[in-house]
Amino acid sequence: MAQFDVRRNPSPRTRASTPYVLVVQCDLLADLDPIAVVPLRRADCFLKTISRFNPHFKVEGVDVVMTPNAIAGVARKDLGEVVANLSEHRHDIIGAMDILLTGI
């Protein structure tokens, strides 16, 4: 389990609009369960986003938007397979989480 891994959304109910979740939990706490994840929703689900709060990414050819305000804990056993890692976007991801937690 690595920070910034992108995993398939384990929920059949929300998978159409939210195909992936992003692991935001730091590697130091990787053994804890549940795992903190943030949904990556399809970009076409949004009329408007806040650029620093909702960074956009492309995963498996799908345009997705990070939604930090929907952070959740998901049991390790329920997480889908790893399909990507967004470590190269660390600055944007942590910046969005900072806005959620501190407003800055």
Protein backbone atom coordinates (compact mmCIF):
# COMPACT_ATOMS: atom_id res chain seq x y z
CA MET A 1 0.00 0.00 0.00
CA ALA A 2 1.71 3.20 -1.15
CA GLN A 3 0.70 6.80 -0.74
CA PHE A 4 -0.74 8.25 -3.96
CA ASP A 5 -1.65 4.82 -5.35
CA VAL A 6 -4.78 5.00 -7.49
CA ARG A 7 -7.08 2.04 -6.94
CA ARG A 8 -10.31 0.99 -8.55
CA ASN A 9 -13.34 2.15 -6.60
CA PRO A 10 -14.60 -0.85 -4.62
CA SER A 11 -18.20 0.42 -4.56
CA PRO A 12 -20.38 -0.80 -7.44
CA ARG A 13 -22.94 1.85 -6.48
CA THR A 14 -20.62 4.81 -7.17
CA ARG A 15 -18.14 3.33 -9.64
CA ALA A 16 -19.72 4.92 -12.74
CA SER A 17 -19.15 8.49 -11.51
CA THR A 18 -16.15 7.69 -9.30
CA PRO A 19 -14.04 5.05 -11.01
CA TYR A 20 -11.03 5.43 -8.71
CA VAL A 21 -9.90 6.32 -5.21
CA LEU A 22 -6.56 7.90 -4.32
CA VAL A 23 -4.64 6.68 -1.25
CA VAL A 24 -3.67 9.80 0.73
CA GLN A 25 -2.49 8.07 3.90
CA CYS A 26 1.27 8.42 4.38
CA ASP A 27 3.50 5.38 3.97
CA LEU A 28 4.55 5.62 7.63
CA LEU A 29 0.96 4.66 8.55
CA ALA A 30 0.52 2.14 5.73
CA ASP A 31 -0.18 -0.73 8.15
CA LEU A 32 -3.21 0.99 9.69
CA ASP A 33 -6.66 -0.12 8.65
CA PRO A 34 -8.88 1.42 7.34
CA ILE A 35 -6.91 3.32 4.69
CA ALA A 36 -7.59 7.04 4.08
CA VAL A 37 -8.64 7.60 0.47
CA VAL A 38 -10.06 10.45 -1.59
CA PRO A 39 -12.44 9.83 -4.48
CA LEU A 40 -11.33 10.57 -8.02
CA ARG A 41 -14.57 11.48 -9.82
CA ARG A 42 -15.04 11.71 -13.56
CA ALA A 43 -14.37 15.27 -14.69
CA ASP A 44 -17.59 15.31 -16.73
CA CYS A 45 -19.56 15.07 -13.43
CA PHE A 46 -18.56 18.65 -12.55
CA LEU A 47 -19.91 21.94 -13.83
CA LYS A 48 -17.20 23.84 -11.98
CA THR A 49 -14.16 23.01 -9.85
CA ILE A 50 -11.74 24.98 -7.69
CA SER A 51 -8.34 24.55 -9.37
CA ARG A 52 -6.15 24.24 -6.24
CA PHE A 53 -8.76 22.26 -4.29
CA ASN A 54 -9.81 19.93 -7.10
CA PRO A 55 -6.74 18.97 -9.14
CA HIS A 56 -7.39 17.15 -12.41
CA PHE A 57 -5.57 13.98 -13.46
CA LYS A 58 -5.75 11.43 -16.23
CA VAL A 59 -5.93 7.78 -15.14
CA GLU A 60 -6.18 5.02 -17.74
CA GLY A 61 -7.26 7.66 -20.25
CA VAL A 62 -10.08 8.93 -18.00
CA ASP A 63 -10.13 12.60 -16.90
CA VAL A 64 -10.74 12.62 -13.15
CA VAL A 65 -10.97 15.24 -10.42
CA MET A 66 -9.76 14.85 -6.84
CA THR A 67 -12.47 15.54 -4.25
CA PRO A 68 -10.71 16.01 -0.89
CA ASN A 69 -13.93 16.93 0.93
CA ALA A 70 -15.15 13.36 0.37
CA ILE A 71 -12.20 11.73 2.19
CA ALA A 72 -13.09 8.33 3.62
CA GLY A 73 -11.63 5.33 5.35
CA VAL A 74 -11.84 2.11 3.36
CA ALA A 75 -10.91 -1.31 4.70
CA ARG A 76 -7.71 -2.56 3.10
CA LYS A 77 -9.43 -5.78 2.03
CA ASP A 78 -12.08 -3.80 0.14
CA LEU A 79 -9.74 -1.66 -1.95
CA GLY A 80 -9.57 -2.45 -5.65
CA GLU A 81 -6.43 -3.11 -7.64
CA VAL A 82 -3.69 -0.51 -8.09
CA VAL A 83 -3.94 1.03 -11.57
CA ALA A 84 -1.56 4.00 -11.24
CA ASN A 85 0.46 6.10 -8.84
CA LEU A 86 0.23 9.90 -8.80
CA SER A 87 3.43 10.60 -6.84
CA GLU A 88 4.58 12.99 -9.56
CA HIS A 89 1.57 15.16 -8.58
CA ARG A 90 2.46 15.16 -4.87
CA HIS A 91 2.57 18.96 -4.66
CA ASP A 92 -0.97 19.33 -6.09
CA ILE A 93 -2.41 16.53 -3.95
CA ILE A 94 -0.92 17.76 -0.68
CA GLY A 95 -1.90 21.33 -1.60
CA ALA A 96 -5.53 20.25 -2.01
CA MET A 97 -5.44 18.39 1.32
CA ASP A 98 -3.91 21.47 2.99
CA ILE A 99 -6.83 23.57 1.77
CA LEU A 100 -9.25 21.01 3.22
CA LEU A 101 -7.49 20.90 6.60
CA THR A 102 -6.21 24.45 7.05
CA GLY A 103 -7.94 26.61 4.46
CA ILE A 104 -4.58 27.59 3.03
